[in-house]
Structures are given as structure tokens and as C-alpha cells.
Amino acid sequence: MEALYLLVPLSVLVVAGALWVFFGAADSGQFDDLEGPAYRVLQDDDRAGN
């Protein structure tokens, strides 16, 4: 039972840290364009001989 006094606040801190990282990434524009890089890989723009 004494372990819960440590584990419950520790898990709350871990969840709060994960939410802080997620919302920080969302605010910086990390998730703005999810499809663009996938399509850019498929485009063959590096032609030899140019």
C-alpha cells in the first residue's frame, strides 16, 4: 500500500510531462502537414544528367 503513495504521484507527473511534450509539439507546427513528406518521397526530382 505504501508503494501507491509513490507510484500514483509519479504516474501523474509522467502523464503531465507527456501532455506537455505533445502540446508543445502541436504548438510548434509538428503535426501541420502529415501527408506532404510522404508524397515528396514518391516524387522523382533527382534526374541524372541535369
C-alpha atoms as a PDB file:
ATOM      1  CA  MET A   1       0.000   0.000   0.000  1.00  0.00           C
ATOM      2  CA  GLU A   2       2.894   2.343   0.702  1.00  0.00           C
ATOM      3  CA  ALA A   3       4.113   1.930  -2.874  1.00  0.00           C
ATOM      4  CA  LEU A   4       0.948   3.635  -4.125  1.00  0.00           C
ATOM      5  CA  TYR A   5       1.957   6.822  -2.301  1.00  0.00           C
ATOM      6  CA  LEU A   6       4.954   6.959  -4.630  1.00  0.00           C
ATOM      7  CA  LEU A   7       3.530   5.461  -7.817  1.00  0.00           C
ATOM      8  CA  VAL A   8       0.324   7.488  -8.128  1.00  0.00           C
ATOM      9  CA  PRO A   9       2.020  10.939  -7.999  1.00  0.00           C
ATOM     10  CA  LEU A  10       4.828   9.635 -10.204  1.00  0.00           C
ATOM     11  CA  SER A  11       2.355   8.443 -12.842  1.00  0.00           C
ATOM     12  CA  VAL A  12       0.536  11.774 -12.699  1.00  0.00           C
ATOM     13  CA  LEU A  13       3.842  13.546 -13.335  1.00  0.00           C
ATOM     14  CA  VAL A  14       4.651  11.240 -16.253  1.00  0.00           C
ATOM     15  CA  VAL A  15       1.248  11.864 -17.857  1.00  0.00           C
ATOM     16  CA  ALA A  16       1.597  15.617 -17.319  1.00  0.00           C
ATOM     17  CA  GLY A  17       5.044  15.514 -18.930  1.00  0.00           C
ATOM     18  CA  ALA A  18       3.752  13.562 -21.912  1.00  0.00           C
ATOM     19  CA  LEU A  19       0.891  16.029 -22.391  1.00  0.00           C
ATOM     20  CA  TRP A  20       3.326  18.956 -22.129  1.00  0.00           C
ATOM     21  CA  VAL A  21       5.558  17.427 -24.828  1.00  0.00           C
ATOM     22  CA  PHE A  22       2.571  16.647 -27.073  1.00  0.00           C
ATOM     23  CA  PHE A  23       1.028  20.110 -26.843  1.00  0.00           C
ATOM     24  CA  GLY A  24       4.445  21.716 -27.247  1.00  0.00           C
ATOM     25  CA  ALA A  25       4.942  19.802 -30.484  1.00  0.00           C
ATOM     26  CA  ALA A  26       1.439  20.686 -31.662  1.00  0.00           C
ATOM     27  CA  ASP A  27       2.010  24.382 -30.953  1.00  0.00           C
ATOM     28  CA  SER A  28       5.309  24.396 -32.851  1.00  0.00           C
ATOM     29  CA  GLY A  29       3.651  23.011 -36.001  1.00  0.00           C
ATOM     30  CA  GLN A  30       4.996  19.468 -35.803  1.00  0.00           C
ATOM     31  CA  PHE A  31       1.666  17.959 -36.942  1.00  0.00           C
ATOM     32  CA  ASP A  32       0.648  20.550 -39.543  1.00  0.00           C
ATOM     33  CA  ASP A  33       1.424  18.606 -42.719  1.00  0.00           C
ATOM     34  CA  LEU A  34       1.319  14.844 -42.265  1.00  0.00           C
ATOM     35  CA  GLU A  35       0.857  13.876 -45.929  1.00  0.00           C
ATOM     36  CA  GLY A  36       3.335  16.189 -47.677  1.00  0.00           C
ATOM     37  CA  PRO A  37       6.559  14.378 -46.720  1.00  0.00           C
ATOM     38  CA  ALA A  38       5.049  11.036 -47.740  1.00  0.00           C
ATOM     39  CA  TYR A  39       4.257  12.377 -51.218  1.00  0.00           C
ATOM     40  CA  ARG A  40       7.649  14.079 -51.564  1.00  0.00           C
ATOM     41  CA  VAL A  41       9.380  10.715 -51.146  1.00  0.00           C
ATOM     42  CA  LEU A  42       7.471   9.362 -54.136  1.00  0.00           C
ATOM     43  CA  GLN A  43       8.372  12.251 -56.467  1.00  0.00           C
ATOM     44  CA  ASP A  44      11.474  11.582 -58.540  1.00  0.00           C
ATOM     45  CA  ASP A  45      13.084  15.001 -58.735  1.00  0.00           C
ATOM     46  CA  ASP A  46      16.721  13.937 -58.819  1.00  0.00           C
ATOM     47  CA  ARG A  47      17.281  13.172 -62.502  1.00  0.00           C
ATOM     48  CA  ALA A  48      20.756  12.177 -63.641  1.00  0.00           C
ATOM     49  CA  GLY A  49      22.415  14.290 -66.305  1.00  0.00           C
ATOM     50  CA  ASN A  50      20.876  17.662 -65.433  1.00  0.00           C
END
